């Protein structure tokens, strides 16, 4: 398939492209990363096509009922009056070089995509763009996502997290993104354009590496854990006292910045155990219950009310892998004097937290 001739609507109608955007896997990651490297001038086009696919498949895409009816009538009118080019039918049923079959509905999907842009409904992209044209992706409680930056960098974004980045890096000297919350970055190497992650108090500079950043506004620490490569950490001066020392992280090192003490500390860790959340697994090693409670609230999108106000310092070691919240609650009930009640998304824990 010659994707070099595609426009935005073509990409949004292509089954293989849509599948990659919504359900990426190792094969599609490899194919589209290679395609981007071979066609560097199409970064902006590919990025905009990804936004269109996300827009058309997002719950954030909302149109007034009257507008929906008008759009649907337009789609029907154009679909049944339009004549695809003579080769369209054969292309729809052709097995492509990747072994994928083009969907027979792709022509109508392209009509819908074209109409979404032509009728001005692209204004809803502002749910994804700020006023400076920077893309915003934000996860609520209980939601995690994988996104791709314009340079091919892959980002796992955790629950209650938000990342902001330019719609294209092509004309910029650096690749700069802002993070609130937690994310794992697998950065595409580009020696000419350093990659910078900005948090509330830290700037992290890399070239090509893999690392985890945890920077929630309601926590007193910012954690950076390096899996591969090197990361330079720079503390930003806020006028609250002497600036803490900057440092360079090596593999399996974790830097923890205290926003209270304005200090950086360094420790050795098993980095892979820190980033297991990407795979749907939480690991707690001697963690205070207060921290576990916060993680569970983010992970499952619930609110936990604990009647034992002194139990937050009790420490637990456990791992959770794609478990329902009830199984976790049963674990606490079995190891401590706790009972629980569930009312919609609110969980009330009664009894003593400490075993």
Foldseek 3Di string as FASTA:
>chain_A
DPCVPDALLLLLLWPLSLCCLVPNDPVSLVVVLVVCVVCVVCLLRSLVSSLLSCLVVDPLQDDPPVVVVVLVVVLVVCVVVDDDPPCVVVQQQDQDPVRDHHHPCSVSSSSSSVSCVVVPVCVSQCVQAPPVQKGKDAAAFQDWDWDAASNRKIKTGFFRKMKIFHSHCVPPQEGEMEIAAKMKIQDDADVRHWYWYDYPWKIKTDGGAIWMWGHHPPDQKIKIAGATDKIKIATDDPPPDDAEDIDMDHHQKMWIAGNVVNYIDIDGHPRCLVPCVSQQKHWFDFAFVLVVQVVVCRNHVAAEAEPPPPRRRATDTDMDHPDPPVVVQVVQVVQFVWDWDDDPRYIYIDDHSHD
